[in-house]
C-alpha atoms as a PDB file:
ATOM      1  CA  UNK A   1      -5.950 -11.150 -37.032  1.00  0.00           C
ATOM      2  CA  UNK A   2      -6.563 -14.516 -35.449  1.00  0.00           C
ATOM      3  CA  UNK A   3      -4.565 -16.296 -32.759  1.00  0.00           C
ATOM      4  CA  UNK A   4      -2.895 -18.744 -35.144  1.00  0.00           C
ATOM      5  CA  UNK A   5      -1.411 -15.903 -37.235  1.00  0.00           C
ATOM      6  CA  UNK A   6      -0.015 -14.231 -34.121  1.00  0.00           C
ATOM      7  CA  UNK A   7       1.514 -17.490 -32.878  1.00  0.00           C
ATOM      8  CA  UNK A   8       3.079 -18.146 -36.273  1.00  0.00           C
ATOM      9  CA  UNK A   9       4.512 -14.631 -36.339  1.00  0.00           C
ATOM     10  CA  UNK A  10       6.091 -15.032 -32.898  1.00  0.00           C
ATOM     11  CA  UNK A  11       7.687 -18.350 -33.871  1.00  0.00           C
ATOM     12  CA  UNK A  12       9.003 -16.769 -37.068  1.00  0.00           C
ATOM     13  CA  UNK A  13      10.532 -13.881 -35.106  1.00  0.00           C
ATOM     14  CA  UNK A  14      12.325 -16.306 -32.772  1.00  0.00           C
ATOM     15  CA  UNK A  15      13.633 -18.296 -35.746  1.00  0.00           C
ATOM     16  CA  UNK A  16      14.855 -15.116 -37.470  1.00  0.00           C
ATOM     17  CA  UNK A  17      16.584 -13.999 -34.268  1.00  0.00           C
ATOM     18  CA  UNK A  18      18.395 -17.323 -34.021  1.00  0.00           C
ATOM     19  CA  UNK A  19      19.454 -17.234 -37.673  1.00  0.00           C
ATOM     20  CA  UNK A  20      20.627 -13.633 -37.324  1.00  0.00           C
ATOM     21  CA  UNK A  21      22.629 -14.383 -34.205  1.00  0.00           C
ATOM     22  CA  UNK A  22      24.249 -17.434 -35.788  1.00  0.00           C
ATOM     23  CA  UNK A  23      25.094 -15.376 -38.860  1.00  0.00           C
ATOM     24  CA  UNK A  24      26.669 -12.658 -36.750  1.00  0.00           C
ATOM     25  CA  UNK A  25      29.162 -15.187 -35.384  1.00  0.00           C
ATOM     26  CA  UNK A  26      30.657 -15.476 -38.873  1.00  0.00           C
ATOM     27  CA  UNK A  27      30.742 -11.720 -39.472  1.00  0.00           C
ATOM     28  CA  UNK A  28      32.178 -10.536 -36.153  1.00  0.00           C
ATOM     29  CA  UNK A  29      35.963 -10.704 -36.073  1.00  0.00           C
ATOM     30  CA  UNK A  30      36.605  -9.885 -32.435  1.00  0.00           C
ATOM     31  CA  UNK A  31      36.482 -12.787 -29.911  1.00  0.00           C
ATOM     32  CA  UNK A  32      35.226 -10.359 -27.220  1.00  0.00           C
ATOM     33  CA  UNK A  33      32.243  -9.400 -29.346  1.00  0.00           C
ATOM     34  CA  UNK A  34      31.536 -13.029 -30.203  1.00  0.00           C
ATOM     35  CA  UNK A  35      31.298 -13.815 -26.503  1.00  0.00           C
ATOM     36  CA  UNK A  36      28.431 -11.309 -26.305  1.00  0.00           C
ATOM     37  CA  UNK A  37      26.475 -13.131 -29.014  1.00  0.00           C
ATOM     38  CA  UNK A  38      26.351 -16.516 -27.242  1.00  0.00           C
ATOM     39  CA  UNK A  39      24.114 -15.406 -24.319  1.00  0.00           C
ATOM     40  CA  UNK A  40      21.758 -13.731 -26.796  1.00  0.00           C
ATOM     41  CA  UNK A  41      21.641 -16.889 -28.885  1.00  0.00           C
ATOM     42  CA  UNK A  42      20.975 -18.995 -25.797  1.00  0.00           C
ATOM     43  CA  UNK A  43      18.181 -16.600 -24.768  1.00  0.00           C
ATOM     44  CA  UNK A  44      16.570 -16.795 -28.200  1.00  0.00           C
ATOM     45  CA  UNK A  45      16.717 -20.608 -28.131  1.00  0.00           C
ATOM     46  CA  UNK A  46      15.207 -20.695 -24.644  1.00  0.00           C
ATOM     47  CA  UNK A  47      12.471 -18.310 -25.726  1.00  0.00           C
ATOM     48  CA  UNK A  48      11.690 -20.444 -28.752  1.00  0.00           C
ATOM     49  CA  UNK A  49      11.563 -23.607 -26.634  1.00  0.00           C
ATOM     50  CA  UNK A  50       9.374 -21.939 -24.007  1.00  0.00           C
ATOM     51  CA  UNK A  51       6.928 -20.524 -26.531  1.00  0.00           C
ATOM     52  CA  UNK A  52       6.744 -23.802 -28.477  1.00  0.00           C
ATOM     53  CA  UNK A  53       6.075 -25.648 -25.212  1.00  0.00           C
ATOM     54  CA  UNK A  54       3.351 -23.157 -24.391  1.00  0.00           C
ATOM     55  CA  UNK A  55       1.728 -23.780 -27.767  1.00  0.00           C
ATOM     56  CA  UNK A  56       1.827 -27.549 -27.381  1.00  0.00           C
ATOM     57  CA  UNK A  57       0.828 -27.887 -23.729  1.00  0.00           C
ATOM     58  CA  UNK A  58      -0.974 -24.608 -23.059  1.00  0.00           C
ATOM     59  CA  UNK A  59      -4.082 -25.121 -25.158  1.00  0.00           C
ATOM     60  CA  UNK A  60      -7.279 -26.032 -23.404  1.00  0.00           C
ATOM     61  CA  UNK A  61     -10.112 -27.943 -24.956  1.00  0.00           C
ATOM     62  CA  UNK A  62     -13.210 -25.759 -25.289  1.00  0.00           C
ATOM     63  CA  UNK A  63     -15.796 -26.277 -22.568  1.00  0.00           C
ATOM     64  CA  UNK A  64     -18.927 -27.852 -24.109  1.00  0.00           C
ATOM     65  CA  UNK A  65     -21.074 -26.314 -21.343  1.00  0.00           C
ATOM     66  CA  UNK A  66     -19.909 -22.726 -21.840  1.00  0.00           C
ATOM     67  CA  UNK A  67     -22.823 -20.373 -22.554  1.00  0.00           C
ATOM     68  CA  UNK A  68     -22.954 -19.118 -26.125  1.00  0.00           C
ATOM     69  CA  UNK A  69     -25.281 -16.474 -27.548  1.00  0.00           C
ATOM     70  CA  UNK A  70     -27.259 -17.722 -30.546  1.00  0.00           C
ATOM     71  CA  UNK A  71     -29.757 -14.880 -30.924  1.00  0.00           C
ATOM     72  CA  UNK A  72     -30.327 -11.315 -29.818  1.00  0.00           C
ATOM     73  CA  UNK A  73     -33.929 -10.122 -29.739  1.00  0.00           C
ATOM     74  CA  UNK A  74     -35.536  -6.756 -28.872  1.00  0.00           C
ATOM     75  CA  UNK A  75     -37.837  -7.934 -26.064  1.00  0.00           C
ATOM     76  CA  UNK A  76     -38.344 -10.608 -23.422  1.00  0.00           C
ATOM     77  CA  UNK A  77     -41.485 -12.011 -25.058  1.00  0.00           C
ATOM     78  CA  UNK A  78     -39.732 -12.808 -28.356  1.00  0.00           C
ATOM     79  CA  UNK A  79     -36.775 -14.306 -26.525  1.00  0.00           C
ATOM     80  CA  UNK A  80     -39.048 -16.457 -24.341  1.00  0.00           C
ATOM     81  CA  UNK A  81     -40.856 -17.757 -27.425  1.00  0.00           C
ATOM     82  CA  UNK A  82     -37.518 -18.734 -28.952  1.00  0.00           C
ATOM     83  CA  UNK A  83     -36.422 -20.437 -25.714  1.00  0.00           C
ATOM     84  CA  UNK A  84     -39.633 -22.500 -25.738  1.00  0.00           C
ATOM     85  CA  UNK A  85     -39.189 -23.375 -29.410  1.00  0.00           C
ATOM     86  CA  UNK A  86     -35.599 -24.536 -28.830  1.00  0.00           C
ATOM     87  CA  UNK A  87     -36.749 -26.482 -25.771  1.00  0.00           C
ATOM     88  CA  UNK A  88     -39.294 -28.337 -27.916  1.00  0.00           C
ATOM     89  CA  UNK A  89     -36.385 -29.646 -29.978  1.00  0.00           C
ATOM     90  CA  UNK A  90     -34.445 -30.742 -26.889  1.00  0.00           C
ATOM     91  CA  UNK A  91     -32.081 -27.778 -26.728  1.00  0.00           C
ATOM     92  CA  UNK A  92     -31.841 -26.191 -23.302  1.00  0.00           C
ATOM     93  CA  UNK A  93     -31.818 -22.411 -23.755  1.00  0.00           C
ATOM     94  CA  UNK A  94     -32.099 -19.357 -21.537  1.00  0.00           C
ATOM     95  CA  UNK A  95     -33.032 -15.727 -22.175  1.00  0.00           C
ATOM     96  CA  UNK A  96     -30.751 -13.214 -20.447  1.00  0.00           C
ATOM     97  CA  UNK A  97     -30.804  -9.437 -20.253  1.00  0.00           C
ATOM     98  CA  UNK A  98     -34.527  -8.813 -19.895  1.00  0.00           C
ATOM     99  CA  UNK A  99     -34.601  -8.172 -16.147  1.00  0.00           C
ATOM    100  CA  UNK A 100     -32.261  -6.215 -13.919  1.00  0.00           C
ATOM    101  CA  UNK A 101     -32.207  -7.173 -10.218  1.00  0.00           C
ATOM    102  CA  UNK A 102     -35.707  -8.599 -10.420  1.00  0.00           C
ATOM    103  CA  UNK A 103     -37.215  -5.430 -11.910  1.00  0.00           C
ATOM    104  CA  UNK A 104     -38.123  -5.152 -15.555  1.00  0.00           C
ATOM    105  CA  UNK A 105     -36.361  -2.196 -17.083  1.00  0.00           C
ATOM    106  CA  UNK A 106     -37.713   0.022 -19.841  1.00  0.00           C
ATOM    107  CA  UNK A 107     -34.298   0.742 -21.307  1.00  0.00           C
ATOM    108  CA  UNK A 108     -33.906   0.005 -25.002  1.00  0.00           C
ATOM    109  CA  UNK A 109     -31.657  -3.051 -25.098  1.00  0.00           C
ATOM    110  CA  UNK A 110     -31.580  -6.569 -26.380  1.00  0.00           C
ATOM    111  CA  UNK A 111     -32.392  -9.882 -24.807  1.00  0.00           C
ATOM    112  CA  UNK A 112     -29.914 -12.622 -25.653  1.00  0.00           C
ATOM    113  CA  UNK A 113     -30.796 -16.280 -26.051  1.00  0.00           C
ATOM    114  CA  UNK A 114     -27.996 -18.456 -24.706  1.00  0.00           C
ATOM    115  CA  UNK A 115     -27.365 -22.188 -25.206  1.00  0.00           C
ATOM    116  CA  UNK A 116     -24.518 -24.532 -24.289  1.00  0.00           C
ATOM    117  CA  UNK A 117     -21.604 -24.524 -26.743  1.00  0.00           C
ATOM    118  CA  UNK A 118     -22.336 -28.132 -27.727  1.00  0.00           C
ATOM    119  CA  UNK A 119     -25.839 -27.114 -28.884  1.00  0.00           C
ATOM    120  CA  UNK A 120     -24.857 -24.051 -30.950  1.00  0.00           C
ATOM    121  CA  UNK A 121     -24.837 -25.845 -34.293  1.00  0.00           C
ATOM    122  CA  UNK A 122     -28.268 -27.428 -33.779  1.00  0.00           C
ATOM    123  CA  UNK A 123     -29.720 -24.157 -32.456  1.00  0.00           C
ATOM    124  CA  UNK A 124     -28.445 -22.085 -35.377  1.00  0.00           C
ATOM    125  CA  UNK A 125     -29.784 -24.691 -37.815  1.00  0.00           C
ATOM    126  CA  UNK A 126     -33.232 -24.380 -36.186  1.00  0.00           C
ATOM    127  CA  UNK A 127     -33.042 -20.578 -36.261  1.00  0.00           C
ATOM    128  CA  UNK A 128     -32.387 -20.584 -39.986  1.00  0.00           C
ATOM    129  CA  UNK A 129     -35.531 -22.658 -40.643  1.00  0.00           C
END
């Protein structure tokens, strides 16, 4: 499930709560019980306004410099070759995960090639070639 589906579901729940509370005002006969509905209705409206404001003003633009993994290779030599190849095309890349505290480890793992988020599309296009 992605973030947009979750946000849509939350907005729908708030809207249903408001509709249900408004509908209960017509069904409830007792004035004392109706007085209990108004604070709930106000709370649902405030929650809807707060969440909608969060959606509008709370989104951040993605950072174009954030590191993004474009490849995962079994050893440092393969990753270094890929870093050099990407560098020849003007894409700054870095291999991470091959060394631990300055000592090369012999643990079976992968070495990740990382580029800036703005270069991901160009790097993946080069990797497919």
